[in-house]
Amino acid sequence: MNAGFEFDIVVIGGGSAAFAAALKATELGAEVAVCEKDVIGGTCLNRGCIPSKNLLRVAEVFFYSRHQPFSGIDIPKGKVDFAKVIEQKDELVKELRKEKYLNVLRDNTKIHYFEGEASFLSGNEVKVGERVIKGSRFIIATGARPRVIPFNGIDRVDFLDSTTALDLKELPTSLIILGGRFVAVEMAQIFSRFGSKVTILQRSPMIIPEEEEEISAALKGYLEEEGIAIHTGAKVMEVHQSGRQKTVRADVGGAATEFRGEAILMATGITPDTDGLNLDAAGVDVDQNGFVRTDEFMRTTNPVVFAAGDVAGKMPLVTVAAREGSVAAANALSDDECCLERMDYSTVPHAIFTHPNVASVGITERRAAEQGLKTVSRTLKMKYVPKARAIRDARGLIKMVAEEGTGRVLGIHILAPEAAEVIHQAVLAMREGMTVKDLTEKIDVYPTPRRW
C-alpha cells in the first residue's frame, strides 16, 4: 500500500530500532515510511557507542605510551592534539552513517524517508512538516536523550552532557562528572587519560550500582589508581559558575564540600524523546518517567502502534533496540495473535568499556536474593589466570552466580581487559541452561580461565 502518503508501516525515528524495524518490514513485503527530525543514525552512531568507544581506544593508546608494563621497551611519550582526535572520530561517524543508514535508504526502494518532526494527528496518521502521512501500523522509535537534573543553579551554568562532551575541540583542564554509572565512568577515563583532572560525584553508595559489589569496588580502585577522584554518597546541593570556573557544592557523608573545575558533565541517565509526538491523539500511554508503555510484543496501549528502543524504557542498549525494532515490525504485520514474537531480555549481555571492561549477563547475587532464589557464588581473581599474568594486566575478577542445589548458572559477571569479548561465551551458557558442572567439564583454550 502506497497511495500518496499512505504506508503499511510508519516508523518514527531514524536510529537502530527504527532501521531494524524498517528492514524487517520490507523483508515481509511492506511499504515503509521512516520519519526522522534529526541526524539519521540515532544515539549509538552519532553520540553514543561508536564515538565514545573510539575515544576510549585513543585514550588507551595514549595512556599506555606513558604507562606500559613491560621491561626492555622504551616508547617515546606521546602528546595529544585533541582537536584532531575529535576530527578523526567525526570522520568515522560520517563513514558509518553512510554505510549503515544512507546507503540502505538508497538501495531499499520500499523504505521512503521523510525528514522532519512527526506528530500524531490520530491513531492512523501523523503530520511531518506540511505532509500528512497515513499508516496501517506505526512504530515509535525516537530514542532518548541525556537527562538533565534541575540542580539548584544549573540553569545559570554552562554544562556538558554525553553528547556535547564528545564534540569538544579543546580538552578541559579539569572536569566534574555528576553521576557514576556507565556513561560517567567511561567519560571519566577518556578525559583523565587525555590529561584532564577528573572528579566523579555519585549519589549512590557505589559506582555502577547495578553491577556486583565486588566489581564496583574493584573498578573504583582502578580508576582511583589512574588519578580519578571518586566520591560516592554525594548529594549535589548547588552549582554555580564564575567565568570559566564551575563549582559544585555537595553533601558528602554529611559534610558540605566544594568541588571546582573548568567543566561540569551531567551523566545522570536518559529521558525519552517523545516531545512533540502528541501521543494522546494516538491513545498511547507513557509510564511515570515518560517512557512509552509496551507489552512483551512491543505493542503500546493502542494495538496498531508499537514502540521499540530506548523510548520504550526496557534496556538502553543498541542491540536490544535493534531486536525490539525487528520484533515490533514482525508483530505489527502479523494477523495471527498466537504467532506473535516475544521479547526476551533474560540473556542479554551488557558491557561498560572502561579499561578493564565490565561485562555481565544474567542476574546478580543481590537480584537473585530479591527474587527469593537460593544461590551459591564463586569468584576468581584475574591474578590467578595465566593469560592475565602473561600480558601483565591481572586487574579484575570473574564472578558466577548459580542456583543452590541444581547448579544452574544464573549470572556471570566479569571485570577484565577483554570482558566485553569473553562475555559472549557466558551468554551461550545462559541460553542453554548450563550448570557449573557443565562449564567445568567444557574444555577451553589455554591460558584463558579454566576453573570458575
Protein backbone atom coordinates (compact mmCIF):
# COMPACT_ATOMS: atom_id res chain seq x y z
CA MET A 1 0.00 0.00 0.00
CA ASN A 2 1.44 3.36 -1.01
CA ALA A 3 -1.11 5.78 -2.40
CA GLY A 4 0.33 9.23 -1.98
CA PHE A 5 1.47 9.32 1.64
CA GLU A 6 -0.12 6.05 2.78
CA PHE A 7 2.05 3.19 4.03
CA ASP A 8 1.79 -0.24 5.61
CA ILE A 9 4.05 0.88 8.46
CA VAL A 10 5.16 4.34 9.53
CA VAL A 11 8.34 4.32 11.64
CA ILE A 12 9.03 7.42 13.71
CA GLY A 13 12.75 7.74 14.35
CA GLY A 14 15.95 7.08 12.44
CA GLY A 15 18.25 5.04 14.67
CA SER A 16 18.95 1.36 15.24
CA ALA A 17 15.45 0.38 16.36
CA ALA A 18 13.85 2.32 13.52
CA PHE A 19 16.04 0.85 10.78
CA ALA A 20 15.79 -2.68 12.15
CA ALA A 21 12.01 -2.28 12.08
CA ALA A 22 12.04 -0.84 8.56
CA LEU A 23 14.28 -3.59 7.18
CA LYS A 24 12.23 -6.35 8.81
CA ALA A 25 9.01 -4.83 7.48
CA THR A 26 10.33 -4.61 3.92
CA GLU A 27 11.53 -8.24 4.13
CA LEU A 28 7.90 -9.08 4.85
CA GLY A 29 6.77 -7.10 1.80
CA ALA A 30 5.63 -3.87 3.42
CA GLU A 31 5.97 -0.33 2.14
CA VAL A 32 7.53 1.69 4.95
CA ALA A 33 7.84 5.37 5.81
CA VAL A 34 10.72 6.44 8.08
CA CYS A 35 10.40 9.87 9.68
CA GLU A 36 13.41 11.47 11.39
CA LYS A 37 13.67 15.01 12.76
CA ASP A 38 17.40 14.94 13.50
CA VAL A 39 20.57 13.45 12.03
CA ILE A 40 19.94 9.92 10.83
CA GLY A 41 21.70 7.13 12.72
CA GLY A 42 20.40 7.57 16.25
CA THR A 43 22.22 7.78 19.55
CA CYS A 44 24.61 4.84 19.18
CA LEU A 45 26.17 6.03 15.95
CA ASN A 46 26.12 9.79 16.40
CA ARG A 47 26.62 10.40 20.11
CA GLY A 48 26.94 7.10 21.95
CA CYS A 49 28.55 3.72 21.32
CA ILE A 50 30.69 4.48 18.29
CA PRO A 51 32.22 7.88 19.18
CA SER A 52 32.73 7.02 22.85
CA LYS A 53 34.39 3.67 22.14
CA ASN A 54 36.61 5.30 19.54
CA LEU A 55 37.76 7.90 22.07
CA LEU A 56 38.23 5.25 24.76
CA ARG A 57 40.60 3.40 22.45
CA VAL A 58 42.52 6.56 21.51
CA ALA A 59 42.83 7.45 25.20
CA GLU A 60 44.03 3.92 25.98
CA VAL A 61 46.76 4.08 23.32
CA PHE A 62 47.92 7.45 24.64
CA PHE A 63 47.81 6.25 28.26
CA TYR A 64 49.95 3.20 27.54
CA SER A 65 52.54 5.27 25.75
CA ARG A 66 53.24 6.55 29.27
CA HIS A 67 52.29 3.55 31.42
CA GLN A 68 53.15 0.37 29.52
CA PRO A 69 54.05 -2.54 31.88
CA PHE A 70 56.84 -4.35 30.02
CA SER A 71 60.54 -4.14 30.79
CA GLY A 72 63.04 -3.65 27.98
CA ILE A 73 60.77 -1.43 25.88
CA ASP A 74 61.29 2.31 25.59
CA ILE A 75 58.32 4.06 23.95
CA PRO A 76 58.54 7.83 23.40
CA LYS A 77 55.87 9.62 25.39
CA GLY A 78 53.16 10.94 23.12
CA LYS A 79 51.25 14.19 23.09
CA VAL A 80 47.61 14.92 22.31
CA ASP A 81 46.16 17.13 19.60
CA PHE A 82 42.62 16.87 20.96
CA ALA A 83 41.03 18.69 18.01
CA LYS A 84 42.50 16.12 15.59
CA VAL A 85 41.31 13.26 17.79
CA ILE A 86 37.76 14.63 17.61
CA GLU A 87 38.08 15.26 13.87
CA GLN A 88 39.00 11.62 13.24
CA LYS A 89 36.10 10.48 15.44
CA ASP A 90 33.73 12.65 13.40
CA GLU A 91 35.00 11.18 10.14
CA LEU A 92 34.37 7.67 11.44
CA VAL A 93 30.80 8.59 12.37
CA LYS A 94 30.19 10.06 8.89
CA GLU A 95 31.55 6.92 7.21
CA LEU A 96 29.36 4.60 9.26
CA ARG A 97 26.29 6.82 8.82
CA LYS A 98 26.69 6.48 5.07
CA GLU A 99 27.39 2.73 5.13
CA LYS A 100 24.76 1.71 7.68
CA TYR A 101 21.95 4.16 7.00
CA LEU A 102 22.16 6.38 3.92
CA ASN A 103 23.15 3.51 1.64
CA VAL A 104 20.23 1.48 2.98
CA LEU A 105 17.83 4.29 2.06
CA ARG A 106 19.39 4.46 -1.39
CA ASP A 107 19.23 0.72 -2.06
CA ASN A 108 15.93 -0.28 -0.45
CA THR A 109 13.13 1.12 -2.60
CA LYS A 110 10.46 0.03 -0.12
CA ILE A 111 11.73 2.48 2.50
CA HIS A 112 10.55 6.06 2.00
CA TYR A 113 12.37 8.68 4.03
CA PHE A 114 10.71 11.83 5.38
CA GLU A 115 12.82 14.43 7.13
CA GLY A 116 11.07 16.37 9.86
CA GLU A 117 9.37 16.06 13.23
CA ALA A 118 6.42 13.68 13.31
CA SER A 119 3.33 14.39 15.41
CA PHE A 120 0.26 12.17 15.70
CA LEU A 121 -3.00 13.63 14.42
CA SER A 122 -4.91 10.45 15.25
CA GLY A 123 -4.34 6.74 15.65
CA ASN A 124 -3.70 6.29 11.92
CA GLU A 125 -1.92 9.44 10.76
CA VAL A 126 0.96 11.73 11.60
CA LYS A 127 1.99 15.13 10.39
CA VAL A 128 5.59 15.62 9.24
CA GLY A 129 6.21 19.22 8.29
CA GLU A 130 3.37 20.09 5.95
CA ARG A 131 2.70 16.47 4.94
CA VAL A 132 0.12 14.16 6.45
CA ILE A 133 1.26 10.53 6.40
CA LYS A 134 -1.21 7.70 6.97
CA GLY A 135 -0.34 4.22 8.09
CA SER A 136 -1.97 0.92 8.92
CA ARG A 137 0.57 0.44 11.71
CA PHE A 138 3.06 2.70 13.49
CA ILE A 139 6.33 2.06 15.30
CA ILE A 140 7.66 4.71 17.69
CA ALA A 141 11.46 4.53 17.78
CA THR A 142 12.51 8.05 18.69
CA GLY A 143 15.06 7.03 21.32
CA ALA A 144 16.11 9.08 24.32
CA ARG A 145 18.34 12.00 25.19
CA PRO A 146 20.56 12.83 28.19
CA ARG A 147 18.55 13.57 31.31
CA VAL A 148 19.07 16.95 32.97
CA ILE A 149 18.59 17.05 36.75
CA PRO A 150 17.38 20.52 37.84
CA PHE A 151 20.07 21.06 40.47
CA ASN A 152 19.93 24.40 42.22
CA GLY A 153 21.66 26.91 39.93
CA ILE A 154 22.05 24.60 36.92
CA ASP A 155 20.09 26.99 34.69
CA ARG A 156 22.90 29.55 35.12
CA VAL A 157 25.77 27.15 34.40
CA ASP A 158 27.26 26.02 31.09
CA PHE A 159 27.43 22.25 31.48
CA LEU A 160 28.19 19.30 29.24
CA ASP A 161 26.23 16.12 28.64
CA SER A 162 27.27 12.87 26.97
CA THR A 163 26.56 14.39 23.55
CA THR A 164 28.29 17.76 23.84
CA ALA A 165 31.29 16.31 25.70
CA LEU A 166 32.13 14.22 22.64
CA ASP A 167 32.19 17.31 20.44
CA LEU A 168 34.66 19.39 22.47
CA LYS A 169 37.58 20.68 20.41
CA GLU A 170 39.64 21.64 23.45
CA LEU A 171 40.48 19.41 26.39
CA PRO A 172 39.27 20.85 29.73
CA THR A 173 41.97 21.07 32.37
CA SER A 174 39.52 19.75 34.97
CA LEU A 175 36.15 18.04 34.81
CA ILE A 176 33.49 17.30 37.43
CA ILE A 177 31.17 14.45 36.48
CA LEU A 178 27.75 14.26 38.12
CA GLY A 179 26.73 10.59 38.13
CA GLY A 180 28.52 7.28 38.47
CA ARG A 181 27.02 4.80 36.06
CA PHE A 182 28.38 3.59 32.73
CA VAL A 183 28.44 6.95 30.91
CA ALA A 184 30.13 8.61 33.87
CA VAL A 185 32.93 6.08 34.30
CA GLU A 186 33.63 5.81 30.56
CA MET A 187 33.80 9.58 30.17
CA ALA A 188 35.93 9.85 33.30
CA GLN A 189 38.54 7.50 31.91
CA ILE A 190 38.56 9.15 28.47
CA PHE A 191 39.20 12.64 29.80
CA SER A 192 41.50 11.55 32.61
CA ARG A 193 43.75 9.59 30.28
CA PHE A 194 43.96 12.54 27.91
CA GLY A 195 45.11 14.72 30.80
CA SER A 196 42.07 16.30 32.48
CA LYS A 197 41.80 16.23 36.27
CA VAL A 198 38.54 14.32 36.78
CA THR A 199 36.23 14.10 39.78
CA ILE A 200 33.15 11.84 39.94
CA LEU A 201 30.28 12.69 42.28
CA GLN A 202 27.90 9.73 42.62
CA ARG A 203 24.79 9.88 44.77
CA SER A 204 24.58 6.10 45.30
CA PRO A 205 26.85 4.35 47.82
CA MET A 206 28.76 2.77 44.92
CA ILE A 207 29.55 3.47 41.28
CA ILE A 208 27.88 1.27 38.63
CA PRO A 209 25.40 0.20 41.36
CA GLU A 210 23.58 -2.36 39.18
CA GLU A 211 26.73 -4.49 39.00
CA GLU A 212 28.13 -6.91 41.58
CA GLU A 213 29.55 -5.10 44.61
CA GLU A 214 32.97 -6.73 44.16
CA ILE A 215 33.18 -5.43 40.59
CA SER A 216 32.06 -1.94 41.56
CA ALA A 217 34.62 -1.73 44.35
CA ALA A 218 37.45 -3.06 42.18
CA LEU A 219 36.72 -0.72 39.27
CA LYS A 220 36.56 2.23 41.67
CA GLY A 221 40.01 1.30 42.93
CA TYR A 222 41.47 1.01 39.41
CA LEU A 223 40.05 4.38 38.35
CA GLU A 224 41.40 6.00 41.50
CA GLU A 225 44.83 4.49 40.79
CA GLU A 226 44.75 6.37 37.48
CA GLY A 227 44.14 9.63 39.35
CA ILE A 228 40.34 9.93 39.12
CA ALA A 229 38.77 11.22 42.33
CA ILE A 230 35.55 9.37 43.18
CA HIS A 231 33.10 10.45 45.87
CA THR A 232 30.10 8.19 46.49
CA GLY A 233 27.14 9.11 48.64
CA ALA A 234 27.47 12.65 47.27
CA LYS A 235 24.27 14.71 47.15
CA VAL A 236 24.58 17.79 44.94
CA MET A 237 23.23 20.86 46.73
CA GLU A 238 24.15 23.70 44.38
CA VAL A 239 26.14 24.56 41.27
CA HIS A 240 27.38 27.92 40.12
CA GLN A 241 29.77 29.50 37.65
CA SER A 242 32.24 32.36 37.77
CA GLY A 243 33.86 32.97 34.40
CA ARG A 244 35.18 29.62 33.17
CA GLN A 245 35.30 28.23 36.70
CA LYS A 246 32.44 25.98 37.81
CA THR A 247 31.73 24.99 41.39
CA VAL A 248 29.64 22.12 42.73
CA ARG A 249 28.63 22.19 46.37
CA ALA A 250 27.70 18.76 47.62
CA ASP A 251 26.88 16.92 50.82
CA VAL A 252 29.43 14.12 51.06
CA GLY A 253 28.97 11.90 54.10
CA GLY A 254 27.17 14.67 55.96
CA ALA A 255 29.80 17.32 55.26
CA ALA A 256 29.29 20.20 52.81
CA THR A 257 32.16 20.11 50.31
CA GLU A 258 33.00 22.29 47.31
CA PHE A 259 34.45 20.92 44.09
CA ARG A 260 35.85 23.24 41.42
CA GLY A 261 36.55 22.55 37.77
CA GLU A 262 36.69 24.06 34.31
CA ALA A 263 33.80 21.90 33.11
CA ILE A 264 30.82 20.01 34.51
CA LEU A 265 29.48 16.90 32.80
CA MET A 266 26.00 15.73 33.71
CA ALA A 267 25.79 11.94 33.34
CA THR A 268 22.54 11.33 35.17
CA GLY A 269 20.65 8.96 32.90
CA ILE A 270 18.30 9.40 29.96
CA THR A 271 14.83 10.73 29.30
CA PRO A 272 12.56 9.54 26.46
CA ASP A 273 12.45 11.64 23.31
CA THR A 274 8.66 11.96 22.98
CA ASP A 275 8.29 15.74 23.00
CA GLY A 276 6.05 16.85 20.16
CA LEU A 277 4.76 13.35 19.29
CA ASN A 278 1.27 14.19 20.63
CA LEU A 279 0.86 10.66 21.93
CA ASP A 280 -2.55 11.43 23.46
CA ALA A 281 -4.01 11.82 19.98
CA ALA A 282 -2.91 8.26 19.20
CA GLY A 283 -4.10 6.81 22.51
CA VAL A 284 -0.57 5.85 23.55
CA ASP A 285 0.21 5.84 27.28
CA VAL A 286 3.55 6.52 28.96
CA ASP A 287 4.84 5.45 32.38
CA GLN A 288 5.74 7.66 35.35
CA ASN A 289 9.09 8.52 33.75
CA GLY A 290 7.64 9.30 30.33
CA PHE A 291 8.71 6.10 28.55
CA VAL A 292 6.18 4.56 26.18
CA ARG A 293 4.37 1.62 27.78
CA THR A 294 4.72 -1.62 25.83
CA ASP A 295 3.86 -5.25 26.39
CA GLU A 296 6.07 -8.26 25.65
CA PHE A 297 5.15 -7.97 21.96
CA MET A 298 6.23 -4.28 21.84
CA ARG A 299 2.60 -3.13 21.48
CA THR A 300 1.57 0.10 23.11
CA THR A 301 -1.84 0.82 24.63
CA ASN A 302 -3.01 1.40 21.05
CA PRO A 303 -2.93 -2.05 19.36
CA VAL A 304 -1.85 -0.62 15.99
CA VAL A 305 1.00 1.42 17.49
CA PHE A 306 4.22 -0.28 18.61
CA ALA A 307 7.37 1.10 20.23
CA ALA A 308 11.00 -0.04 20.26
CA GLY A 309 14.39 1.07 21.51
CA ASP A 310 15.26 3.49 24.29
CA VAL A 311 11.88 5.26 24.08
CA ALA A 312 10.29 2.05 25.41
CA GLY A 313 12.50 2.17 28.52
CA LYS A 314 13.36 -1.54 28.81
CA MET A 315 17.15 -1.87 28.33
CA PRO A 316 19.01 1.10 26.79
CA LEU A 317 21.29 -0.99 24.56
CA VAL A 318 21.67 -0.70 20.80
CA THR A 319 21.50 -4.49 20.44
CA VAL A 320 18.22 -4.56 22.34
CA ALA A 321 16.87 -1.65 20.31
CA ALA A 322 17.55 -3.46 17.05
CA ARG A 323 15.91 -6.66 18.28
CA GLU A 324 12.90 -4.77 19.62
CA GLY A 325 12.53 -2.99 16.29
CA SER A 326 12.55 -6.28 14.40
CA VAL A 327 10.04 -7.85 16.82
CA ALA A 328 7.79 -4.79 16.62
CA ALA A 329 7.73 -4.87 12.81
CA ALA A 330 7.07 -8.60 12.62
CA ASN A 331 4.22 -8.35 15.11
CA ALA A 332 2.77 -5.24 13.51
CA LEU A 333 2.41 -7.13 10.23
CA SER A 334 1.11 -10.36 11.76
CA ASP A 335 -2.56 -11.27 11.60
CA ASP A 336 -2.14 -14.29 13.87
CA GLU A 337 -2.21 -13.45 17.57
CA CYS A 338 -0.86 -16.86 18.56
CA CYS A 339 2.28 -16.43 16.46
CA LEU A 340 3.50 -13.08 17.76
CA GLU A 341 7.16 -12.81 18.73
CA ARG A 342 8.04 -12.06 22.35
CA MET A 343 11.00 -10.04 23.61
CA ASP A 344 13.26 -11.97 25.98
CA TYR A 345 15.73 -9.91 27.99
CA SER A 346 16.95 -12.68 30.30
CA THR A 347 20.18 -13.47 28.46
CA VAL A 348 21.02 -10.06 27.01
CA PRO A 349 24.65 -9.14 27.83
CA HIS A 350 25.83 -5.62 28.56
CA ALA A 351 29.25 -4.06 28.91
CA ILE A 352 30.99 -0.96 30.20
CA PHE A 353 34.02 -0.19 28.06
CA THR A 354 36.35 1.20 30.66
CA HIS A 355 39.74 -0.48 30.77
CA PRO A 356 39.37 -3.03 32.29
CA ASN A 357 35.90 -3.71 30.84
CA VAL A 358 32.87 -4.64 32.89
CA ALA A 359 30.58 -7.21 31.25
CA SER A 360 27.61 -9.12 32.60
CA VAL A 361 24.79 -11.45 31.64
CA GLY A 362 22.02 -12.77 33.86
CA ILE A 363 21.27 -11.62 37.39
CA THR A 364 23.50 -10.56 40.25
CA GLU A 365 23.63 -12.30 43.62
CA ARG A 366 21.72 -9.39 45.11
CA ARG A 367 18.95 -9.59 42.48
CA ALA A 368 18.67 -13.35 42.92
CA ALA A 369 18.07 -12.86 46.65
CA GLU A 370 15.37 -10.29 45.87
CA GLN A 371 13.68 -12.91 43.69
CA GLY A 372 13.78 -15.44 46.53
CA LEU A 373 16.37 -17.67 44.88
CA LYS A 374 18.93 -19.52 46.97
CA THR A 375 22.33 -19.22 45.39
CA VAL A 376 25.96 -20.13 45.62
CA SER A 377 28.59 -17.91 44.05
CA ARG A 378 32.26 -18.21 43.21
CA THR A 379 34.78 -15.52 42.41
CA LEU A 380 38.04 -15.94 40.53
CA LYS A 381 40.53 -13.09 40.65
CA MET A 382 42.28 -12.44 37.37
CA LYS A 383 45.69 -12.66 39.05
CA TYR A 384 45.16 -16.44 39.09
CA VAL A 385 44.58 -16.58 35.33
CA PRO A 386 47.83 -17.34 33.46
CA LYS A 387 46.84 -15.23 30.43
CA ALA A 388 46.36 -12.17 32.64
CA ARG A 389 49.82 -12.68 34.14
CA ALA A 390 51.35 -13.18 30.70
CA ILE A 391 50.05 -9.86 29.37
CA ARG A 392 50.94 -8.19 32.68
CA ASP A 393 47.44 -6.95 33.37
CA ALA A 394 45.94 -9.02 36.17
CA ARG A 395 43.30 -6.49 37.16
CA GLY A 396 39.78 -7.76 37.67
CA LEU A 397 37.75 -10.81 38.55
CA ILE A 398 35.08 -13.21 37.32
CA LYS A 399 32.04 -13.94 39.46
CA MET A 400 29.50 -16.68 38.78
CA VAL A 401 26.11 -16.90 40.49
CA ALA A 402 24.40 -20.31 40.43
CA GLU A 403 21.23 -21.78 41.85
CA GLU A 404 21.77 -23.79 45.00
CA GLY A 405 21.08 -27.46 44.51
CA THR A 406 20.73 -27.56 40.73
CA GLY A 407 23.93 -25.65 39.97
CA ARG A 408 22.10 -23.84 37.14
CA VAL A 409 24.00 -20.71 36.15
CA LEU A 410 22.01 -17.54 36.91
CA GLY A 411 24.59 -14.88 36.13
CA ILE A 412 28.18 -14.36 35.05
CA HIS A 413 29.92 -11.06 35.78
CA ILE A 414 33.39 -10.10 34.57
CA LEU A 415 35.84 -7.28 35.20
CA ALA A 416 38.82 -7.75 32.89
CA PRO A 417 40.63 -6.09 29.96
CA GLU A 418 38.64 -8.09 27.36
CA ALA A 419 35.48 -8.79 29.34
CA ALA A 420 33.22 -7.45 26.58
CA GLU A 421 34.54 -10.18 24.26
CA VAL A 422 34.61 -13.02 26.79
CA ILE A 423 31.01 -12.43 27.93
CA HIS A 424 29.61 -13.94 24.73
CA GLN A 425 30.72 -17.40 25.85
CA ALA A 426 28.75 -16.80 29.03
CA VAL A 427 25.67 -15.81 27.02
CA LEU A 428 25.61 -19.21 25.33
CA ALA A 429 25.98 -20.93 28.69
CA MET A 430 22.98 -18.99 29.99
CA ARG A 431 20.83 -19.61 26.91
CA GLU A 432 21.50 -23.34 27.07
CA GLY A 433 20.69 -23.55 30.79
CA MET A 434 24.13 -24.90 31.63
CA THR A 435 25.22 -25.78 35.15
CA VAL A 436 28.50 -25.12 36.93
CA LYS A 437 29.38 -28.78 36.31
CA ASP A 438 28.76 -28.33 32.56
CA LEU A 439 31.12 -25.37 32.47
CA THR A 440 33.90 -27.05 34.43
CA GLU A 441 33.78 -30.03 32.07
CA LYS A 442 34.00 -27.81 28.99
CA ILE A 443 37.49 -27.60 27.50
CA ASP A 444 38.69 -24.04 26.88
CA VAL A 445 41.74 -22.59 25.20
CA TYR A 446 44.76 -22.26 27.49
CA PRO A 447 45.90 -19.94 29.11
CA THR A 448 42.44 -18.35 29.46
CA PRO A 449 40.27 -19.06 32.55
CA ARG A 450 39.81 -22.78 33.17
CA ARG A 451 38.23 -23.06 36.61
CA TRP A 452 35.32 -20.81 37.53
